[in-house]
Amino acid sequence: MDFLFDAGAVIYVLIVELAPLPQIWKLRLMKQSDQMSLLFTSQLAVGRLLALPYVFEKGAAILAWGFVAGAILRFILVGQAYYYQRRARMMQRFRDEEITI
């Protein structure tokens, strides 16, 4: 039964915790994140971190490292989205100031 649990945990980690990778790549290519919710993505990352003590206490190391990887990827996604949203606001401000001169 342990083998099935471990195999399921590995599949879970690969599917769920690594899910932000395509979004990170897409944001990198598009260089904009106007429609992305920073709050939602931040909650996902913090939730992963808060689950870590429980998962470690239960001895599920595969899940714990998956949660760590998932949290890191989600924080990267939050940082990336914040950067592009802030950059877009700054560029809009520069365009607005250019028009009024």
N, C-alpha and C. Protein backbone atom coordinates (compact mmCIF):
# COMPACT_ATOMS: atom_id res chain seq x y z
N MET A 1 0.82 -1.20 0.00
CA MET A 1 0.00 0.00 0.00
C MET A 1 0.86 1.26 0.00
N ASP A 2 2.03 1.18 0.62
CA ASP A 2 2.91 2.34 0.63
C ASP A 2 3.34 2.72 -0.78
N PHE A 3 3.59 1.72 -1.61
CA PHE A 3 3.99 1.99 -2.98
C PHE A 3 2.91 2.76 -3.72
N LEU A 4 1.65 2.35 -3.55
CA LEU A 4 0.54 3.06 -4.20
C LEU A 4 0.42 4.49 -3.70
N PHE A 5 0.58 4.68 -2.39
CA PHE A 5 0.53 6.03 -1.84
C PHE A 5 1.65 6.88 -2.41
N ASP A 6 2.87 6.33 -2.43
CA ASP A 6 4.02 7.07 -2.97
C ASP A 6 3.84 7.38 -4.45
N ALA A 7 3.36 6.42 -5.20
CA ALA A 7 3.14 6.64 -6.64
C ALA A 7 2.07 7.71 -6.84
N GLY A 8 1.01 7.64 -6.05
CA GLY A 8 -0.04 8.67 -6.14
C GLY A 8 0.48 10.04 -5.76
N ALA A 9 1.34 10.08 -4.75
CA ALA A 9 1.91 11.36 -4.32
C ALA A 9 2.80 11.95 -5.40
N VAL A 10 3.59 11.12 -6.04
CA VAL A 10 4.46 11.61 -7.12
C VAL A 10 3.62 12.15 -8.27
N ILE A 11 2.58 11.42 -8.64
CA ILE A 11 1.70 11.88 -9.72
C ILE A 11 1.03 13.20 -9.32
N TYR A 12 0.57 13.29 -8.08
CA TYR A 12 -0.04 14.53 -7.58
C TYR A 12 0.92 15.69 -7.70
N VAL A 13 2.15 15.48 -7.23
CA VAL A 13 3.16 16.55 -7.26
C VAL A 13 3.41 17.00 -8.69
N LEU A 14 3.55 16.06 -9.59
CA LEU A 14 3.82 16.41 -10.98
C LEU A 14 2.67 17.16 -11.63
N ILE A 15 1.44 16.77 -11.30
CA ILE A 15 0.29 17.42 -11.93
C ILE A 15 -0.08 18.74 -11.26
N VAL A 16 -0.24 18.72 -9.95
CA VAL A 16 -0.79 19.89 -9.25
C VAL A 16 0.28 20.91 -8.85
N GLU A 17 1.33 20.44 -8.22
CA GLU A 17 2.30 21.40 -7.68
C GLU A 17 3.16 22.04 -8.76
N LEU A 18 3.33 21.37 -9.89
CA LEU A 18 4.11 21.95 -10.98
C LEU A 18 3.22 22.66 -12.01
N ALA A 19 1.93 22.76 -11.72
CA ALA A 19 0.99 23.40 -12.63
C ALA A 19 1.31 24.86 -12.95
N PRO A 20 1.94 25.63 -12.05
CA PRO A 20 2.24 27.02 -12.40
C PRO A 20 3.29 27.20 -13.50
N LEU A 21 4.06 26.15 -13.82
CA LEU A 21 5.12 26.30 -14.81
C LEU A 21 4.64 26.84 -16.17
N PRO A 22 3.56 26.31 -16.75
CA PRO A 22 3.10 26.88 -18.02
C PRO A 22 2.68 28.35 -17.90
N GLN A 23 2.07 28.71 -16.78
CA GLN A 23 1.66 30.10 -16.58
C GLN A 23 2.87 31.01 -16.43
N ILE A 24 3.87 30.56 -15.71
CA ILE A 24 5.11 31.34 -15.57
C ILE A 24 5.73 31.56 -16.94
N TRP A 25 5.78 30.51 -17.74
CA TRP A 25 6.34 30.62 -19.08
C TRP A 25 5.52 31.57 -19.95
N LYS A 26 4.19 31.46 -19.88
CA LYS A 26 3.32 32.32 -20.69
C LYS A 26 3.47 33.79 -20.30
N LEU A 27 3.52 34.07 -18.99
CA LEU A 27 3.72 35.45 -18.55
C LEU A 27 5.05 35.99 -19.03
N ARG A 28 6.07 35.15 -19.00
CA ARG A 28 7.39 35.56 -19.46
C ARG A 28 7.35 35.97 -20.94
N LEU A 29 6.60 35.22 -21.74
CA LEU A 29 6.51 35.52 -23.17
C LEU A 29 5.62 36.72 -23.44
N MET A 30 4.48 36.82 -22.72
CA MET A 30 3.52 37.91 -22.96
C MET A 30 3.96 39.23 -22.34
N LYS A 31 4.67 39.15 -21.24
CA LYS A 31 5.14 40.32 -20.50
C LYS A 31 3.98 41.21 -20.03
N GLN A 32 2.86 40.59 -19.69
CA GLN A 32 1.73 41.31 -19.11
C GLN A 32 0.89 40.36 -18.28
N SER A 33 0.27 40.90 -17.24
CA SER A 33 -0.54 40.05 -16.36
C SER A 33 -1.74 40.82 -15.84
N ASP A 34 -2.38 41.58 -16.71
CA ASP A 34 -3.49 42.44 -16.28
C ASP A 34 -4.64 41.66 -15.64
N GLN A 35 -4.95 40.49 -16.12
CA GLN A 35 -6.11 39.75 -15.64
C GLN A 35 -5.80 38.74 -14.54
N MET A 36 -4.59 38.75 -14.04
CA MET A 36 -4.19 37.76 -13.04
C MET A 36 -4.45 38.29 -11.63
N SER A 37 -5.03 37.45 -10.79
CA SER A 37 -5.30 37.83 -9.41
C SER A 37 -4.09 37.52 -8.52
N LEU A 38 -3.49 38.55 -8.00
CA LEU A 38 -2.36 38.36 -7.09
C LEU A 38 -2.81 37.75 -5.77
N LEU A 39 -3.99 38.13 -5.31
CA LEU A 39 -4.49 37.62 -4.04
C LEU A 39 -4.72 36.10 -4.11
N PHE A 40 -5.36 35.65 -5.16
CA PHE A 40 -5.63 34.22 -5.32
C PHE A 40 -4.34 33.41 -5.36
N THR A 41 -3.40 33.85 -6.17
CA THR A 41 -2.14 33.13 -6.30
C THR A 41 -1.35 33.18 -5.00
N SER A 42 -1.39 34.29 -4.30
CA SER A 42 -0.71 34.41 -3.01
C SER A 42 -1.33 33.46 -1.98
N GLN A 43 -2.64 33.37 -1.97
CA GLN A 43 -3.32 32.46 -1.04
C GLN A 43 -2.91 31.01 -1.30
N LEU A 44 -2.79 30.64 -2.55
CA LEU A 44 -2.35 29.28 -2.88
C LEU A 44 -0.95 29.02 -2.34
N ALA A 45 -0.06 29.98 -2.50
CA ALA A 45 1.32 29.81 -2.05
C ALA A 45 1.39 29.72 -0.52
N VAL A 46 0.69 30.61 0.15
CA VAL A 46 0.70 30.61 1.62
C VAL A 46 0.04 29.33 2.15
N GLY A 47 -1.02 28.89 1.50
CA GLY A 47 -1.68 27.65 1.91
C GLY A 47 -0.75 26.46 1.84
N ARG A 48 0.08 26.43 0.80
CA ARG A 48 1.07 25.34 0.69
C ARG A 48 2.03 25.37 1.87
N LEU A 49 2.50 26.55 2.21
CA LEU A 49 3.45 26.67 3.33
C LEU A 49 2.81 26.28 4.66
N LEU A 50 1.56 26.67 4.85
CA LEU A 50 0.88 26.34 6.11
C LEU A 50 0.59 24.85 6.24
N ALA A 51 0.50 24.15 5.13
CA ALA A 51 0.25 22.70 5.16
C ALA A 51 1.53 21.91 5.44
N LEU A 52 2.68 22.53 5.27
CA LEU A 52 3.95 21.82 5.43
C LEU A 52 4.14 21.13 6.78
N PRO A 53 3.91 21.81 7.90
CA PRO A 53 4.13 21.13 9.18
C PRO A 53 3.28 19.86 9.31
N TYR A 54 2.05 19.91 8.88
CA TYR A 54 1.17 18.74 8.97
C TYR A 54 1.71 17.59 8.12
N VAL A 55 2.09 17.91 6.90
CA VAL A 55 2.56 16.87 5.98
C VAL A 55 3.87 16.27 6.48
N PHE A 56 4.77 17.11 6.98
CA PHE A 56 6.03 16.60 7.54
C PHE A 56 5.76 15.72 8.76
N GLU A 57 4.83 16.15 9.61
CA GLU A 57 4.51 15.40 10.83
C GLU A 57 3.95 14.03 10.49
N LYS A 58 3.21 13.94 9.39
CA LYS A 58 2.65 12.68 8.96
C LYS A 58 3.68 11.80 8.24
N GLY A 59 4.85 12.36 7.98
CA GLY A 59 5.91 11.59 7.35
C GLY A 59 5.76 11.43 5.84
N ALA A 60 5.01 12.31 5.23
CA ALA A 60 4.81 12.24 3.78
C ALA A 60 5.81 13.17 3.09
N ALA A 61 7.05 12.74 3.04
CA ALA A 61 8.13 13.58 2.51
C ALA A 61 7.90 13.97 1.05
N ILE A 62 7.37 13.04 0.27
CA ILE A 62 7.13 13.35 -1.15
C ILE A 62 6.16 14.51 -1.28
N LEU A 63 5.08 14.46 -0.52
CA LEU A 63 4.11 15.56 -0.56
C LEU A 63 4.70 16.84 -0.01
N ALA A 64 5.49 16.71 1.05
CA ALA A 64 6.09 17.91 1.65
C ALA A 64 6.99 18.62 0.65
N TRP A 65 7.85 17.88 -0.03
CA TRP A 65 8.73 18.52 -1.02
C TRP A 65 7.93 19.03 -2.20
N GLY A 66 6.84 18.37 -2.52
CA GLY A 66 5.95 18.88 -3.57
C GLY A 66 5.32 20.19 -3.16
N PHE A 67 4.90 20.29 -1.90
CA PHE A 67 4.34 21.54 -1.40
C PHE A 67 5.38 22.65 -1.42
N VAL A 68 6.61 22.32 -1.07
CA VAL A 68 7.69 23.32 -1.12
C VAL A 68 7.88 23.81 -2.55
N ALA A 69 7.96 22.87 -3.49
CA ALA A 69 8.13 23.25 -4.90
C ALA A 69 6.93 24.07 -5.38
N GLY A 70 5.73 23.64 -4.99
CA GLY A 70 4.52 24.37 -5.39
C GLY A 70 4.50 25.78 -4.83
N ALA A 71 4.89 25.94 -3.57
CA ALA A 71 4.92 27.27 -2.96
C ALA A 71 5.93 28.16 -3.66
N ILE A 72 7.12 27.62 -3.94
CA ILE A 72 8.15 28.41 -4.62
C ILE A 72 7.66 28.86 -5.99
N LEU A 73 7.08 27.95 -6.75
CA LEU A 73 6.58 28.30 -8.08
C LEU A 73 5.46 29.33 -8.01
N ARG A 74 4.59 29.20 -7.02
CA ARG A 74 3.50 30.17 -6.89
C ARG A 74 4.02 31.53 -6.45
N PHE A 75 5.03 31.57 -5.60
CA PHE A 75 5.62 32.86 -5.24
C PHE A 75 6.34 33.48 -6.43
N ILE A 76 6.97 32.67 -7.27
CA ILE A 76 7.57 33.19 -8.51
C ILE A 76 6.48 33.79 -9.38
N LEU A 77 5.36 33.10 -9.49
CA LEU A 77 4.24 33.58 -10.29
C LEU A 77 3.69 34.89 -9.74
N VAL A 78 3.56 35.00 -8.43
CA VAL A 78 3.08 36.24 -7.80
C VAL A 78 4.06 37.38 -8.09
N GLY A 79 5.34 37.11 -7.91
CA GLY A 79 6.35 38.15 -8.16
C GLY A 79 6.35 38.59 -9.61
N GLN A 80 6.25 37.65 -10.49
CA GLN A 80 6.22 37.95 -11.92
C GLN A 80 4.99 38.78 -12.27
N ALA A 81 3.83 38.36 -11.80
CA ALA A 81 2.59 39.08 -12.08
C ALA A 81 2.64 40.49 -11.49
N TYR A 82 3.13 40.61 -10.27
CA TYR A 82 3.25 41.93 -9.64
C TYR A 82 4.16 42.83 -10.47
N TYR A 83 5.29 42.30 -10.90
CA TYR A 83 6.23 43.08 -11.69
C TYR A 83 5.59 43.60 -12.97
N TYR A 84 4.90 42.71 -13.70
CA TYR A 84 4.30 43.12 -14.97
C TYR A 84 3.12 44.07 -14.76
N GLN A 85 2.34 43.87 -13.70
CA GLN A 85 1.24 44.79 -13.42
C GLN A 85 1.77 46.17 -13.04
N ARG A 86 2.81 46.19 -12.21
CA ARG A 86 3.39 47.47 -11.81
C ARG A 86 4.02 48.17 -13.01
N ARG A 87 4.70 47.42 -13.84
CA ARG A 87 5.32 48.00 -15.04
C ARG A 87 4.26 48.58 -15.97
N ALA A 88 3.13 47.90 -16.12
CA ALA A 88 2.05 48.40 -16.99
C ALA A 88 1.48 49.70 -16.44
N ARG A 89 1.30 49.77 -15.11
CA ARG A 89 0.80 51.03 -14.51
C ARG A 89 1.78 52.17 -14.72
N MET A 90 3.07 51.87 -14.56
CA MET A 90 4.08 52.90 -14.72
C MET A 90 4.13 53.38 -16.17
N MET A 91 4.05 52.47 -17.12
CA MET A 91 4.06 52.85 -18.53
C MET A 91 2.83 53.68 -18.88
N GLN A 92 1.68 53.32 -18.29
CA GLN A 92 0.47 54.10 -18.54
C GLN A 92 0.61 55.50 -17.97
N ARG A 93 1.21 55.60 -16.79
CA ARG A 93 1.44 56.92 -16.18
C ARG A 93 2.36 57.76 -17.06
N PHE A 94 3.39 57.15 -17.60
CA PHE A 94 4.30 57.88 -18.49
C PHE A 94 3.58 58.34 -19.75
N ARG A 95 2.71 57.50 -20.31
CA ARG A 95 1.95 57.90 -21.49
C ARG A 95 0.99 59.03 -21.15
N ASP A 96 0.34 58.98 -19.99
CA ASP A 96 -0.57 60.03 -19.57
C ASP A 96 0.16 61.36 -19.39
N GLU A 97 1.33 61.32 -18.78
CA GLU A 97 2.11 62.54 -18.57
C GLU A 97 2.61 63.09 -19.89
N GLU A 98 2.93 62.25 -20.83
CA GLU A 98 3.42 62.66 -22.13
C GLU A 98 2.34 63.44 -22.87
N ILE A 99 1.10 63.01 -22.72
CA ILE A 99 -0.01 63.66 -23.42
C ILE A 99 -0.27 65.05 -22.85
N THR A 100 -0.13 65.24 -21.56
CA THR A 100 -0.47 66.52 -20.95
C THR A 100 0.62 67.58 -21.17
N ILE A 101 1.77 67.22 -21.62
CA ILE A 101 2.86 68.21 -21.79
C ILE A 101 2.65 69.03 -23.02
